[in-house]
Amino acid sequence: MVLIMAPTPLAMTGAGYPEALAGDVVRWHVVAMLAPSFFTGFAIKRFGTVPVVVTGLALLVVSALMAASGLSAHHFYGALIVLGVGWNFGFIGATNMLASAVSADERAVVQGTNDTLIALGATICVFASGAIVTGFGCPILAFASLPVLAVALLWVFVQVRFSPRDSVFR
Protein backbone atom coordinates (compact mmCIF):
# COMPACT_ATOMS: atom_id res chain seq x y z
CA MET A 1 0.00 0.00 0.00
CA VAL A 2 2.75 2.43 0.95
CA LEU A 3 4.58 1.77 -2.31
CA ILE A 4 1.71 3.34 -4.28
CA MET A 5 0.40 5.84 -1.71
CA ALA A 6 3.59 7.60 -0.62
CA PRO A 7 4.72 9.00 -3.98
CA THR A 8 1.24 10.02 -5.16
CA PRO A 9 1.62 13.73 -4.26
CA LEU A 10 5.01 13.73 -5.98
CA ALA A 11 3.57 12.03 -9.07
CA MET A 12 0.57 14.36 -9.16
CA THR A 13 2.54 17.58 -8.84
CA GLY A 14 5.00 16.22 -11.38
CA ALA A 15 2.07 15.67 -13.76
CA GLY A 16 1.05 19.31 -13.31
CA TYR A 17 -1.73 18.98 -10.74
CA PRO A 18 -1.93 21.54 -7.91
CA GLU A 19 -0.80 20.52 -4.44
CA ALA A 20 -4.34 21.02 -3.13
CA LEU A 21 -5.65 18.34 -5.48
CA ALA A 22 -2.87 15.96 -4.46
CA GLY A 23 -3.78 16.60 -0.82
CA ASP A 24 -7.44 15.89 -1.55
CA VAL A 25 -6.56 12.55 -3.20
CA VAL A 26 -4.57 11.55 -0.12
CA ARG A 27 -7.41 12.75 2.14
CA TRP A 28 -9.91 10.46 0.40
CA HIS A 29 -7.39 7.63 0.49
CA VAL A 30 -7.16 7.96 4.29
CA VAL A 31 -10.97 7.99 4.55
CA ALA A 32 -11.05 4.83 2.43
CA MET A 33 -8.45 3.24 4.71
CA LEU A 34 -10.35 3.92 7.92
CA ALA A 35 -14.09 4.14 7.14
CA PRO A 36 -14.50 0.44 6.26
CA SER A 37 -13.28 -0.42 9.78
CA PHE A 38 -16.86 0.03 10.96
CA PHE A 39 -17.82 -2.98 8.83
CA THR A 40 -14.70 -5.09 8.32
CA GLY A 41 -15.14 -6.99 11.59
CA PHE A 42 -18.70 -7.89 10.61
CA ALA A 43 -17.48 -9.03 7.19
CA ILE A 44 -14.87 -11.26 8.85
CA LYS A 45 -17.52 -12.81 11.10
CA ARG A 46 -19.93 -13.29 8.19
CA PHE A 47 -17.57 -14.46 5.44
CA GLY A 48 -14.41 -15.52 7.29
CA THR A 49 -10.95 -14.05 7.55
CA VAL A 50 -9.46 -15.55 4.40
CA PRO A 51 -12.14 -14.24 2.02
CA VAL A 52 -11.77 -10.75 3.50
CA VAL A 53 -7.96 -10.85 3.17
CA VAL A 54 -8.17 -12.20 -0.39
CA THR A 55 -10.68 -9.46 -1.26
CA GLY A 56 -8.27 -6.90 0.19
CA LEU A 57 -5.37 -8.26 -1.86
CA ALA A 58 -7.55 -8.34 -4.98
CA LEU A 59 -8.50 -4.70 -4.39
CA LEU A 60 -4.80 -3.83 -4.09
CA VAL A 61 -4.22 -5.48 -7.48
CA VAL A 62 -7.13 -3.50 -8.97
CA SER A 63 -5.68 -0.34 -7.46
CA ALA A 64 -2.26 -0.99 -8.99
CA LEU A 65 -3.83 -1.61 -12.39
CA MET A 66 -5.86 1.60 -12.07
CA ALA A 67 -2.74 3.54 -11.12
CA ALA A 68 -0.86 2.09 -14.08
CA SER A 69 -3.62 2.87 -16.56
CA GLY A 70 -3.32 6.65 -16.58
CA LEU A 71 -2.37 9.90 -14.92
CA SER A 72 -5.73 11.69 -14.87
CA ALA A 73 -7.12 12.98 -11.60
CA HIS A 74 -9.78 10.26 -11.84
CA HIS A 75 -7.06 7.61 -12.03
CA PHE A 76 -5.35 9.00 -8.93
CA TYR A 77 -8.60 9.29 -6.94
CA GLY A 78 -9.87 5.87 -7.99
CA ALA A 79 -6.60 4.06 -7.45
CA LEU A 80 -6.01 5.53 -4.00
CA ILE A 81 -9.58 5.02 -2.78
CA VAL A 82 -9.54 1.38 -3.89
CA LEU A 83 -6.05 1.09 -2.37
CA GLY A 84 -7.38 2.34 0.98
CA VAL A 85 -10.27 -0.14 1.10
CA GLY A 86 -7.99 -2.99 0.03
CA TRP A 87 -5.48 -2.07 2.73
CA ASN A 88 -8.24 -2.04 5.35
CA PHE A 89 -9.49 -5.51 4.45
CA GLY A 90 -5.99 -6.94 4.19
CA PHE A 91 -4.61 -5.32 7.33
CA ILE A 92 -7.54 -6.04 9.62
CA GLY A 93 -7.95 -9.56 8.26
CA ALA A 94 -4.25 -10.34 8.63
CA THR A 95 -4.21 -8.88 12.14
CA ASN A 96 -7.14 -11.15 13.00
CA MET A 97 -5.26 -14.14 11.57
CA LEU A 98 -2.19 -13.27 13.62
CA ALA A 99 -4.18 -12.85 16.83
CA SER A 100 -5.96 -16.16 16.21
CA ALA A 101 -2.73 -18.04 15.50
CA VAL A 102 -0.96 -17.37 18.80
CA SER A 103 -1.83 -17.86 22.44
CA ALA A 104 -2.96 -14.96 24.61
CA ASP A 105 0.41 -15.01 26.38
CA GLU A 106 2.30 -14.58 23.12
CA ARG A 107 -0.05 -12.11 21.48
CA ALA A 108 1.51 -8.84 22.69
CA VAL A 109 5.06 -9.80 21.71
CA VAL A 110 4.01 -11.25 18.36
CA GLN A 111 1.83 -8.23 17.54
CA GLY A 112 4.61 -5.83 18.51
CA THR A 113 7.10 -7.70 16.37
CA ASN A 114 4.63 -7.74 13.49
CA ASP A 115 4.00 -3.99 13.77
CA THR A 116 7.75 -3.34 13.80
CA LEU A 117 8.27 -5.44 10.68
CA ILE A 118 5.39 -3.65 8.95
CA ALA A 119 6.91 -0.27 9.82
CA LEU A 120 10.29 -1.40 8.51
CA GLY A 121 8.75 -2.65 5.27
CA ALA A 122 6.79 0.59 4.89
CA THR A 123 9.97 2.62 5.36
CA ILE A 124 11.76 0.65 2.66
CA CYS A 125 8.76 1.07 0.34
CA VAL A 126 8.68 4.84 0.88
CA PHE A 127 12.32 5.21 -0.11
CA ALA A 128 11.94 2.81 -3.04
CA SER A 129 8.74 4.44 -4.30
CA GLY A 130 10.29 7.88 -4.57
CA ALA A 131 13.23 6.49 -6.53
CA ILE A 132 10.98 4.46 -8.84
CA VAL A 133 8.56 7.34 -9.55
CA THR A 134 11.30 9.86 -10.27
CA GLY A 135 13.38 7.41 -12.27
CA PHE A 136 10.77 5.40 -14.18
CA GLY A 137 7.35 6.97 -13.63
CA CYS A 138 4.11 6.19 -11.86
CA PRO A 139 2.90 3.34 -14.13
CA ILE A 140 6.12 1.38 -13.59
CA LEU A 141 5.75 1.87 -9.84
CA ALA A 142 2.22 0.44 -9.98
CA PHE A 143 3.43 -2.56 -11.99
CA ALA A 144 6.28 -3.07 -9.50
CA SER A 145 3.73 -3.77 -6.77
CA LEU A 146 2.07 -6.61 -8.68
CA PRO A 147 4.73 -9.32 -8.03
CA VAL A 148 4.57 -8.60 -4.29
CA LEU A 149 0.78 -8.90 -4.35
CA ALA A 150 1.00 -12.11 -6.39
CA VAL A 151 3.32 -13.65 -3.78
CA ALA A 152 0.95 -12.60 -0.98
CA LEU A 153 -2.06 -14.13 -2.75
CA LEU A 154 -0.12 -17.31 -3.49
CA TRP A 155 0.95 -17.56 0.15
CA VAL A 156 -2.66 -17.28 1.35
CA PHE A 157 -3.85 -19.91 -1.13
CA VAL A 158 -1.04 -22.31 -0.18
CA GLN A 159 -1.83 -21.82 3.50
CA VAL A 160 -5.52 -22.51 2.89
CA ARG A 161 -4.75 -25.59 0.83
CA PHE A 162 -2.18 -27.18 3.15
CA SER A 163 -3.25 -26.00 6.62
CA PRO A 164 -4.86 -28.32 9.15
CA ARG A 165 -8.63 -28.13 9.44
CA ASP A 166 -8.52 -26.12 12.70
CA SER A 167 -6.18 -23.51 11.26
CA VAL A 168 -7.04 -19.80 11.10
CA PHE A 169 -7.00 -20.27 7.33
CA ARG A 170 -10.16 -22.38 7.41
Foldseek 3Di string as FASTA:
>chain_A
DLLQLQCQLVQLVVVPHDSVLSVVLSVLLQCLQPVCVVPLVVCCVVPNLLVLQLQLLVLLLVLLVLQLPDRDSCSSNVSSSSNNNSCNSNVVSVLVQLCVQDDPVCNVVSVVVVVVVVVVVSVVSNVVSVCCCVPPRRNVSSVVCVVVSVVVSVVLVVCLVPPPPPHSSD
